[in-house]
Amino acid sequence: MSAMLTHTKMEIKLFFREILFVFFTFLLPAVSFIFFGTMFGDETYNGYNYIDTYIPAMVSIVMFTTGFFTIGLQVVIDREKGIYKRLRGTPLNSSYVFAAIITKGFFCILVGTVEIILIAKYMFDATITGSMLQFILSMILCALSFFAMGFLIASIAKRMQTAMAISMVAMYPMMFLSGSTMPLDKMPEIMQTISKFIPMTYVKDLLQLGWVGKLFTEAAVTPALVLVGIFLVGTFIGIKKFKWD
């Protein structure tokens, strides 16, 4: 256990040394929240104001950047550097390395979520949810689905440039076609149709249901099933294809 904790501390320390990952995980969602909150903050959606609705939406961006950049891209970079190959020559169990990476992912999501909530509270005077337990439960499933996608990227991308290209190509539709930044009902019908094929649409929907205390309703069944499917498929392919060196 001490070995895993030591490696987890190392993973987190290395994360904060990478300006690119810090930018995508913490700065990008925060700046997006402030920008779009200023633009749409006075509007209401399904009975909820923009800020209360889009707190979970911005958390979904934190999850995406964590899964694709902090985990997927970082694993590819570390593998290219030969870090995992050297670790395999030590007594450290590979399962500890995997657990440390996942723990780092949850740590980044926690910090990013607190950041978004603090911005909402003190910049936009937003009401904080009274259904925090449901929100946390929805966060766990959503995070695991993005972690699975991150490891899937690390399994199919042999080079850092490839992993970066995949993450960047995925970022724009994830952010702008999922309703996480701009309301879907203001988009053309074709865009609303495309959003049904964007994984982050279901992450955003499940997080919003958890935020408003409706996680255990019929509305949560579809996004929950989609995310469980993504997690299972991503995990299966990752286990089959992933290599430490």
C-alpha atoms as a PDB file:
ATOM      1  CA  MET A   1       0.000   0.000   0.000  1.00  0.00           C
ATOM      2  CA  SER A   2       2.821   2.415   0.833  1.00  0.00           C
ATOM      3  CA  ALA A   3       4.334   1.718  -2.593  1.00  0.00           C
ATOM      4  CA  MET A   4       1.064   2.640  -4.298  1.00  0.00           C
ATOM      5  CA  LEU A   5       0.720   5.833  -2.250  1.00  0.00           C
ATOM      6  CA  THR A   6       4.277   6.808  -3.105  1.00  0.00           C
ATOM      7  CA  HIS A   7       3.640   6.272  -6.804  1.00  0.00           C
ATOM      8  CA  THR A   8       0.352   8.176  -6.574  1.00  0.00           C
ATOM      9  CA  LYS A   9       2.173  11.167  -5.076  1.00  0.00           C
ATOM     10  CA  MET A  10       4.679  10.957  -7.917  1.00  0.00           C
ATOM     11  CA  GLU A  11       1.892  10.864 -10.537  1.00  0.00           C
ATOM     12  CA  ILE A  12       0.230  13.947  -9.030  1.00  0.00           C
ATOM     13  CA  LYS A  13       3.542  15.786  -8.759  1.00  0.00           C
ATOM     14  CA  LEU A  14       4.357  15.032 -12.403  1.00  0.00           C
ATOM     15  CA  PHE A  15       0.885  16.194 -13.421  1.00  0.00           C
ATOM     16  CA  PHE A  16       1.420  19.658 -11.938  1.00  0.00           C
ATOM     17  CA  ARG A  17       4.740  19.918 -13.758  1.00  0.00           C
ATOM     18  CA  GLU A  18       2.977  19.581 -17.118  1.00  0.00           C
ATOM     19  CA  ILE A  19       1.538  23.026 -17.916  1.00  0.00           C
ATOM     20  CA  LEU A  20      -0.464  21.590 -20.833  1.00  0.00           C
ATOM     21  CA  PHE A  21      -2.373  19.164 -18.598  1.00  0.00           C
ATOM     22  CA  VAL A  22      -2.985  21.776 -15.907  1.00  0.00           C
ATOM     23  CA  PHE A  23      -4.345  24.123 -18.582  1.00  0.00           C
ATOM     24  CA  PHE A  24      -6.776  21.603 -20.078  1.00  0.00           C
ATOM     25  CA  THR A  25      -7.894  20.171 -16.730  1.00  0.00           C
ATOM     26  CA  PHE A  26      -8.311  23.325 -14.636  1.00  0.00           C
ATOM     27  CA  LEU A  27      -7.973  26.530 -16.671  1.00  0.00           C
ATOM     28  CA  LEU A  28      -9.987  25.608 -19.786  1.00  0.00           C
ATOM     29  CA  PRO A  29     -13.177  24.562 -17.906  1.00  0.00           C
ATOM     30  CA  ALA A  30     -12.939  27.545 -15.539  1.00  0.00           C
ATOM     31  CA  VAL A  31     -12.473  30.091 -18.340  1.00  0.00           C
ATOM     32  CA  SER A  32     -15.256  28.443 -20.378  1.00  0.00           C
ATOM     33  CA  PHE A  33     -17.587  28.589 -17.384  1.00  0.00           C
ATOM     34  CA  ILE A  34     -16.916  32.283 -16.782  1.00  0.00           C
ATOM     35  CA  PHE A  35     -17.233  33.123 -20.497  1.00  0.00           C
ATOM     36  CA  PHE A  36     -20.460  31.248 -21.206  1.00  0.00           C
ATOM     37  CA  GLY A  37     -21.896  32.047 -17.788  1.00  0.00           C
ATOM     38  CA  THR A  38     -21.484  35.738 -18.544  1.00  0.00           C
ATOM     39  CA  MET A  39     -23.162  35.269 -21.933  1.00  0.00           C
ATOM     40  CA  PHE A  40     -26.084  33.026 -20.929  1.00  0.00           C
ATOM     41  CA  GLY A  41     -26.288  33.519 -17.161  1.00  0.00           C
ATOM     42  CA  ASP A  42     -29.668  35.283 -17.247  1.00  0.00           C
ATOM     43  CA  GLU A  43     -31.443  32.554 -19.221  1.00  0.00           C
ATOM     44  CA  THR A  44     -33.352  29.577 -17.849  1.00  0.00           C
ATOM     45  CA  TYR A  45     -33.486  25.976 -19.076  1.00  0.00           C
ATOM     46  CA  ASN A  46     -36.154  23.506 -17.999  1.00  0.00           C
ATOM     47  CA  GLY A  47     -36.924  25.589 -14.937  1.00  0.00           C
ATOM     48  CA  TYR A  48     -33.286  25.992 -13.862  1.00  0.00           C
ATOM     49  CA  ASN A  49     -31.066  28.997 -14.425  1.00  0.00           C
ATOM     50  CA  TYR A  50     -27.979  28.722 -16.595  1.00  0.00           C
ATOM     51  CA  ILE A  51     -25.457  28.638 -13.759  1.00  0.00           C
ATOM     52  CA  ASP A  52     -27.189  25.889 -11.799  1.00  0.00           C
ATOM     53  CA  THR A  53     -27.689  23.903 -14.987  1.00  0.00           C
ATOM     54  CA  TYR A  54     -24.154  24.310 -16.270  1.00  0.00           C
ATOM     55  CA  ILE A  55     -22.207  23.623 -13.097  1.00  0.00           C
ATOM     56  CA  PRO A  56     -22.461  19.876 -13.876  1.00  0.00           C
ATOM     57  CA  ALA A  57     -21.929  20.615 -17.574  1.00  0.00           C
ATOM     58  CA  MET A  58     -18.579  22.242 -16.823  1.00  0.00           C
ATOM     59  CA  VAL A  59     -17.671  19.380 -14.512  1.00  0.00           C
ATOM     60  CA  SER A  60     -18.179  17.107 -17.524  1.00  0.00           C
ATOM     61  CA  ILE A  61     -15.482  19.108 -19.332  1.00  0.00           C
ATOM     62  CA  VAL A  62     -13.150  18.578 -16.380  1.00  0.00           C
ATOM     63  CA  MET A  63     -13.831  14.846 -16.678  1.00  0.00           C
ATOM     64  CA  PHE A  64     -13.194  14.815 -20.405  1.00  0.00           C
ATOM     65  CA  THR A  65      -9.863  16.624 -20.128  1.00  0.00           C
ATOM     66  CA  THR A  66      -8.835  14.382 -17.235  1.00  0.00           C
ATOM     67  CA  GLY A  67      -9.662  11.184 -19.086  1.00  0.00           C
ATOM     68  CA  PHE A  68      -8.226  12.142 -22.465  1.00  0.00           C
ATOM     69  CA  PHE A  69      -5.263  14.331 -21.500  1.00  0.00           C
ATOM     70  CA  THR A  70      -4.306  13.683 -17.885  1.00  0.00           C
ATOM     71  CA  ILE A  71      -4.695   9.919 -18.247  1.00  0.00           C
ATOM     72  CA  GLY A  72      -4.716   8.930 -21.928  1.00  0.00           C
ATOM     73  CA  LEU A  73      -2.094  11.316 -23.250  1.00  0.00           C
ATOM     74  CA  GLN A  74       0.048  11.196 -20.106  1.00  0.00           C
ATOM     75  CA  VAL A  75       0.245   7.386 -20.185  1.00  0.00           C
ATOM     76  CA  VAL A  76       1.416   7.483 -23.802  1.00  0.00           C
ATOM     77  CA  ILE A  77       4.057  10.109 -22.983  1.00  0.00           C
ATOM     78  CA  ASP A  78       5.309   8.157 -19.956  1.00  0.00           C
ATOM     79  CA  ARG A  79       5.426   4.975 -22.013  1.00  0.00           C
ATOM     80  CA  GLU A  80       7.429   6.720 -24.725  1.00  0.00           C
ATOM     81  CA  LYS A  81       9.877   7.929 -22.105  1.00  0.00           C
ATOM     82  CA  GLY A  82      10.346   4.351 -20.921  1.00  0.00           C
ATOM     83  CA  ILE A  83       9.027   5.079 -17.425  1.00  0.00           C
ATOM     84  CA  TYR A  84       6.818   2.005 -17.265  1.00  0.00           C
ATOM     85  CA  LYS A  85       9.545  -0.199 -18.703  1.00  0.00           C
ATOM     86  CA  ARG A  86      11.858   0.880 -15.899  1.00  0.00           C
ATOM     87  CA  LEU A  87       9.110   0.399 -13.301  1.00  0.00           C
ATOM     88  CA  ARG A  88       8.647  -3.189 -14.455  1.00  0.00           C
ATOM     89  CA  GLY A  89      12.243  -3.792 -13.382  1.00  0.00           C
ATOM     90  CA  THR A  90      11.331  -2.840  -9.810  1.00  0.00           C
ATOM     91  CA  PRO A  91       9.269  -4.727  -7.190  1.00  0.00           C
ATOM     92  CA  LEU A  92       6.354  -2.317  -7.819  1.00  0.00           C
ATOM     93  CA  ASN A  93       3.301  -4.252  -8.977  1.00  0.00           C
ATOM     94  CA  SER A  94       1.773  -3.020 -12.235  1.00  0.00           C
ATOM     95  CA  SER A  95      -1.657  -2.972 -10.557  1.00  0.00           C
ATOM     96  CA  TYR A  96      -0.304  -0.306  -8.182  1.00  0.00           C
ATOM     97  CA  VAL A  97       0.716   1.808 -11.160  1.00  0.00           C
ATOM     98  CA  PHE A  98      -2.769   1.438 -12.635  1.00  0.00           C
ATOM     99  CA  ALA A  99      -4.391   2.311  -9.282  1.00  0.00           C
ATOM    100  CA  ALA A 100      -2.137   5.358  -8.928  1.00  0.00           C
ATOM    101  CA  ILE A 101      -3.164   6.647 -12.360  1.00  0.00           C
ATOM    102  CA  ILE A 102      -6.863   6.200 -11.530  1.00  0.00           C
ATOM    103  CA  THR A 103      -6.390   7.891  -8.146  1.00  0.00           C
ATOM    104  CA  LYS A 104      -4.668  10.809  -9.871  1.00  0.00           C
ATOM    105  CA  GLY A 105      -7.658  11.050 -12.217  1.00  0.00           C
ATOM    106  CA  PHE A 106     -10.149  11.232  -9.352  1.00  0.00           C
ATOM    107  CA  PHE A 107      -7.950  13.794  -7.580  1.00  0.00           C
ATOM    108  CA  CYS A 108      -7.923  16.045 -10.668  1.00  0.00           C
ATOM    109  CA  ILE A 109     -11.700  15.746 -11.067  1.00  0.00           C
ATOM    110  CA  LEU A 110     -12.228  16.584  -7.390  1.00  0.00           C
ATOM    111  CA  VAL A 111     -10.045  19.693  -7.600  1.00  0.00           C
ATOM    112  CA  GLY A 112     -11.650  20.761 -10.886  1.00  0.00           C
ATOM    113  CA  THR A 113     -15.168  20.263  -9.508  1.00  0.00           C
ATOM    114  CA  VAL A 114     -14.441  22.297  -6.382  1.00  0.00           C
ATOM    115  CA  GLU A 115     -13.007  25.019  -8.622  1.00  0.00           C
ATOM    116  CA  ILE A 116     -16.191  25.150 -10.733  1.00  0.00           C
ATOM    117  CA  ILE A 117     -18.455  25.207  -7.672  1.00  0.00           C
ATOM    118  CA  LEU A 118     -16.452  28.019  -6.063  1.00  0.00           C
ATOM    119  CA  ILE A 119     -16.621  30.090  -9.265  1.00  0.00           C
ATOM    120  CA  ALA A 120     -20.381  29.488  -9.459  1.00  0.00           C
ATOM    121  CA  LYS A 121     -20.875  30.398  -5.809  1.00  0.00           C
ATOM    122  CA  TYR A 122     -18.740  33.516  -5.556  1.00  0.00           C
ATOM    123  CA  MET A 123     -18.867  34.926  -9.102  1.00  0.00           C
ATOM    124  CA  PHE A 124     -22.457  34.089 -10.056  1.00  0.00           C
ATOM    125  CA  ASP A 125     -24.081  33.634  -6.633  1.00  0.00           C
ATOM    126  CA  ALA A 126     -25.313  30.178  -7.667  1.00  0.00           C
ATOM    127  CA  THR A 127     -27.247  27.881  -5.363  1.00  0.00           C
ATOM    128  CA  ILE A 128     -25.274  24.778  -4.427  1.00  0.00           C
ATOM    129  CA  THR A 129     -27.124  21.492  -4.819  1.00  0.00           C
ATOM    130  CA  GLY A 130     -28.825  19.863  -1.884  1.00  0.00           C
ATOM    131  CA  SER A 131     -28.383  16.481  -3.579  1.00  0.00           C
ATOM    132  CA  MET A 132     -24.612  16.233  -3.281  1.00  0.00           C
ATOM    133  CA  LEU A 133     -24.643  12.460  -2.683  1.00  0.00           C
ATOM    134  CA  GLN A 134     -26.518  11.843  -5.929  1.00  0.00           C
ATOM    135  CA  PHE A 135     -24.166  14.182  -7.733  1.00  0.00           C
ATOM    136  CA  ILE A 136     -21.124  12.326  -6.371  1.00  0.00           C
ATOM    137  CA  LEU A 137     -22.582   8.971  -7.429  1.00  0.00           C
ATOM    138  CA  SER A 138     -23.185  10.273 -10.942  1.00  0.00           C
ATOM    139  CA  MET A 139     -19.638  11.662 -10.984  1.00  0.00           C
ATOM    140  CA  ILE A 140     -18.139   8.253 -10.202  1.00  0.00           C
ATOM    141  CA  LEU A 141     -19.839   6.524 -13.140  1.00  0.00           C
ATOM    142  CA  CYS A 142     -19.078   9.403 -15.514  1.00  0.00           C
ATOM    143  CA  ALA A 143     -15.448   9.519 -14.414  1.00  0.00           C
ATOM    144  CA  LEU A 144     -14.975   5.783 -14.899  1.00  0.00           C
ATOM    145  CA  SER A 145     -16.394   5.983 -18.419  1.00  0.00           C
ATOM    146  CA  PHE A 146     -13.936   8.738 -19.358  1.00  0.00           C
ATOM    147  CA  PHE A 147     -11.057   6.888 -17.692  1.00  0.00           C
ATOM    148  CA  ALA A 148     -11.921   3.866 -19.845  1.00  0.00           C
ATOM    149  CA  MET A 149     -11.816   6.072 -22.945  1.00  0.00           C
ATOM    150  CA  GLY A 150      -8.493   7.507 -21.802  1.00  0.00           C
ATOM    151  CA  PHE A 151      -6.939   4.069 -21.441  1.00  0.00           C
ATOM    152  CA  LEU A 152      -8.470   3.131 -24.787  1.00  0.00           C
ATOM    153  CA  ILE A 153      -6.532   6.013 -26.368  1.00  0.00           C
ATOM    154  CA  ALA A 154      -3.386   4.852 -24.577  1.00  0.00           C
ATOM    155  CA  SER A 155      -3.988   1.359 -25.954  1.00  0.00           C
ATOM    156  CA  ILE A 156      -4.306   2.316 -29.618  1.00  0.00           C
ATOM    157  CA  ALA A 157      -1.908   5.295 -29.788  1.00  0.00           C
ATOM    158  CA  LYS A 158       1.749   4.350 -29.983  1.00  0.00           C
ATOM    159  CA  ARG A 159       3.103   7.896 -30.046  1.00  0.00           C
ATOM    160  CA  MET A 160       2.371  11.099 -28.169  1.00  0.00           C
ATOM    161  CA  GLN A 161       1.490  12.932 -31.395  1.00  0.00           C
ATOM    162  CA  THR A 162      -1.174  10.344 -32.203  1.00  0.00           C
ATOM    163  CA  ALA A 163      -2.720  10.526 -28.741  1.00  0.00           C
ATOM    164  CA  MET A 164      -2.679  14.334 -28.862  1.00  0.00           C
ATOM    165  CA  ALA A 165      -4.352  14.347 -32.277  1.00  0.00           C
ATOM    166  CA  ILE A 166      -7.104  11.972 -31.094  1.00  0.00           C
ATOM    167  CA  SER A 167      -7.730  14.052 -27.958  1.00  0.00           C
ATOM    168  CA  MET A 168      -7.820  17.365 -29.818  1.00  0.00           C
ATOM    169  CA  VAL A 169     -10.132  16.032 -32.529  1.00  0.00           C
ATOM    170  CA  ALA A 170     -12.479  14.663 -29.856  1.00  0.00           C
ATOM    171  CA  MET A 171     -12.391  17.825 -27.733  1.00  0.00           C
ATOM    172  CA  TYR A 172     -14.381  20.153 -29.989  1.00  0.00           C
ATOM    173  CA  PRO A 173     -17.440  17.971 -30.643  1.00  0.00           C
ATOM    174  CA  MET A 174     -17.389  16.873 -26.998  1.00  0.00           C
ATOM    175  CA  MET A 175     -17.466  20.472 -25.773  1.00  0.00           C
ATOM    176  CA  PHE A 176     -19.662  22.161 -28.354  1.00  0.00           C
ATOM    177  CA  LEU A 177     -22.048  19.440 -29.547  1.00  0.00           C
ATOM    178  CA  SER A 178     -22.919  17.924 -26.170  1.00  0.00           C
ATOM    179  CA  GLY A 179     -24.627  20.931 -24.626  1.00  0.00           C
ATOM    180  CA  SER A 180     -21.805  21.343 -22.133  1.00  0.00           C
ATOM    181  CA  THR A 181     -21.027  24.893 -23.226  1.00  0.00           C
ATOM    182  CA  MET A 182     -23.935  26.114 -25.344  1.00  0.00           C
ATOM    183  CA  PRO A 183     -27.591  25.037 -24.964  1.00  0.00           C
ATOM    184  CA  LEU A 184     -28.582  22.280 -27.356  1.00  0.00           C
ATOM    185  CA  ASP A 185     -32.050  23.758 -27.899  1.00  0.00           C
ATOM    186  CA  LYS A 186     -30.428  26.789 -29.534  1.00  0.00           C
ATOM    187  CA  MET A 187     -28.604  24.640 -32.084  1.00  0.00           C
ATOM    188  CA  PRO A 188     -29.900  23.473 -35.497  1.00  0.00           C
ATOM    189  CA  GLU A 189     -31.819  20.209 -35.477  1.00  0.00           C
ATOM    190  CA  ILE A 190     -28.997  18.376 -37.238  1.00  0.00           C
ATOM    191  CA  MET A 191     -26.621  19.348 -34.424  1.00  0.00           C
ATOM    192  CA  GLN A 192     -29.103  18.112 -31.839  1.00  0.00           C
ATOM    193  CA  THR A 193     -29.230  14.787 -33.667  1.00  0.00           C
ATOM    194  CA  ILE A 194     -25.437  14.541 -33.800  1.00  0.00           C
ATOM    195  CA  SER A 195     -25.277  15.224 -30.055  1.00  0.00           C
ATOM    196  CA  LYS A 196     -26.921  11.851 -29.411  1.00  0.00           C
ATOM    197  CA  PHE A 197     -23.724  10.202 -30.678  1.00  0.00           C
ATOM    198  CA  ILE A 198     -21.428  12.272 -28.446  1.00  0.00           C
ATOM    199  CA  PRO A 199     -20.500  10.456 -25.197  1.00  0.00           C
ATOM    200  CA  MET A 200     -20.254  13.691 -23.229  1.00  0.00           C
ATOM    201  CA  THR A 201     -23.927  14.413 -23.917  1.00  0.00           C
ATOM    202  CA  TYR A 202     -24.806  11.497 -21.648  1.00  0.00           C
ATOM    203  CA  VAL A 203     -22.169  12.474 -19.081  1.00  0.00           C
ATOM    204  CA  LYS A 204     -23.606  15.986 -18.936  1.00  0.00           C
ATOM    205  CA  ASP A 205     -27.173  14.657 -18.704  1.00  0.00           C
ATOM    206  CA  LEU A 206     -26.383  12.243 -15.865  1.00  0.00           C
ATOM    207  CA  LEU A 207     -24.431  14.852 -13.916  1.00  0.00           C
ATOM    208  CA  GLN A 208     -27.296  17.337 -14.277  1.00  0.00           C
ATOM    209  CA  LEU A 209     -29.802  14.756 -13.031  1.00  0.00           C
ATOM    210  CA  GLY A 210     -27.582  14.046 -10.054  1.00  0.00           C
ATOM    211  CA  TRP A 211     -27.172  17.769  -9.378  1.00  0.00           C
ATOM    212  CA  VAL A 212     -30.949  18.400  -9.245  1.00  0.00           C
ATOM    213  CA  GLY A 213     -31.692  15.240  -7.242  1.00  0.00           C
ATOM    214  CA  LYS A 214     -33.203  13.167 -10.067  1.00  0.00           C
ATOM    215  CA  LEU A 215     -30.511  10.508 -10.439  1.00  0.00           C
ATOM    216  CA  PHE A 216     -32.896   7.688  -9.483  1.00  0.00           C
ATOM    217  CA  THR A 217     -35.574   8.551 -12.004  1.00  0.00           C
ATOM    218  CA  GLU A 218     -36.455   7.118 -15.396  1.00  0.00           C
ATOM    219  CA  ALA A 219     -34.671  10.008 -17.115  1.00  0.00           C
ATOM    220  CA  ALA A 220     -31.328   8.697 -15.831  1.00  0.00           C
ATOM    221  CA  VAL A 221     -31.708   5.195 -17.258  1.00  0.00           C
ATOM    222  CA  THR A 222     -30.545   5.935 -20.824  1.00  0.00           C
ATOM    223  CA  PRO A 223     -27.459   8.010 -19.969  1.00  0.00           C
ATOM    224  CA  ALA A 224     -26.481   5.537 -17.226  1.00  0.00           C
ATOM    225  CA  LEU A 225     -26.747   2.554 -19.586  1.00  0.00           C
ATOM    226  CA  VAL A 226     -24.771   4.340 -22.309  1.00  0.00           C
ATOM    227  CA  LEU A 227     -21.988   5.205 -19.874  1.00  0.00           C
ATOM    228  CA  VAL A 228     -21.873   1.699 -18.422  1.00  0.00           C
ATOM    229  CA  GLY A 229     -21.572   0.400 -21.988  1.00  0.00           C
ATOM    230  CA  ILE A 230     -18.728   2.819 -22.732  1.00  0.00           C
ATOM    231  CA  PHE A 231     -16.969   1.774 -19.542  1.00  0.00           C
ATOM    232  CA  LEU A 232     -17.299  -1.949 -20.285  1.00  0.00           C
ATOM    233  CA  VAL A 233     -16.258  -1.678 -23.939  1.00  0.00           C
ATOM    234  CA  GLY A 234     -13.379   0.693 -23.195  1.00  0.00           C
ATOM    235  CA  THR A 235     -12.154  -1.502 -20.345  1.00  0.00           C
ATOM    236  CA  PHE A 236     -12.379  -4.697 -22.407  1.00  0.00           C
ATOM    237  CA  ILE A 237     -10.466  -3.275 -25.371  1.00  0.00           C
ATOM    238  CA  GLY A 238      -7.980  -1.556 -23.067  1.00  0.00           C
ATOM    239  CA  ILE A 239      -7.184  -4.813 -21.264  1.00  0.00           C
ATOM    240  CA  LYS A 240      -6.744  -6.628 -24.569  1.00  0.00           C
ATOM    241  CA  LYS A 241      -4.642  -3.968 -26.315  1.00  0.00           C
ATOM    242  CA  PHE A 242      -2.839  -2.048 -23.590  1.00  0.00           C
ATOM    243  CA  LYS A 243       0.921  -2.454 -23.263  1.00  0.00           C
ATOM    244  CA  TRP A 244       3.188  -0.964 -20.621  1.00  0.00           C
ATOM    245  CA  ASP A 245       6.109  -0.717 -23.051  1.00  0.00           C
END
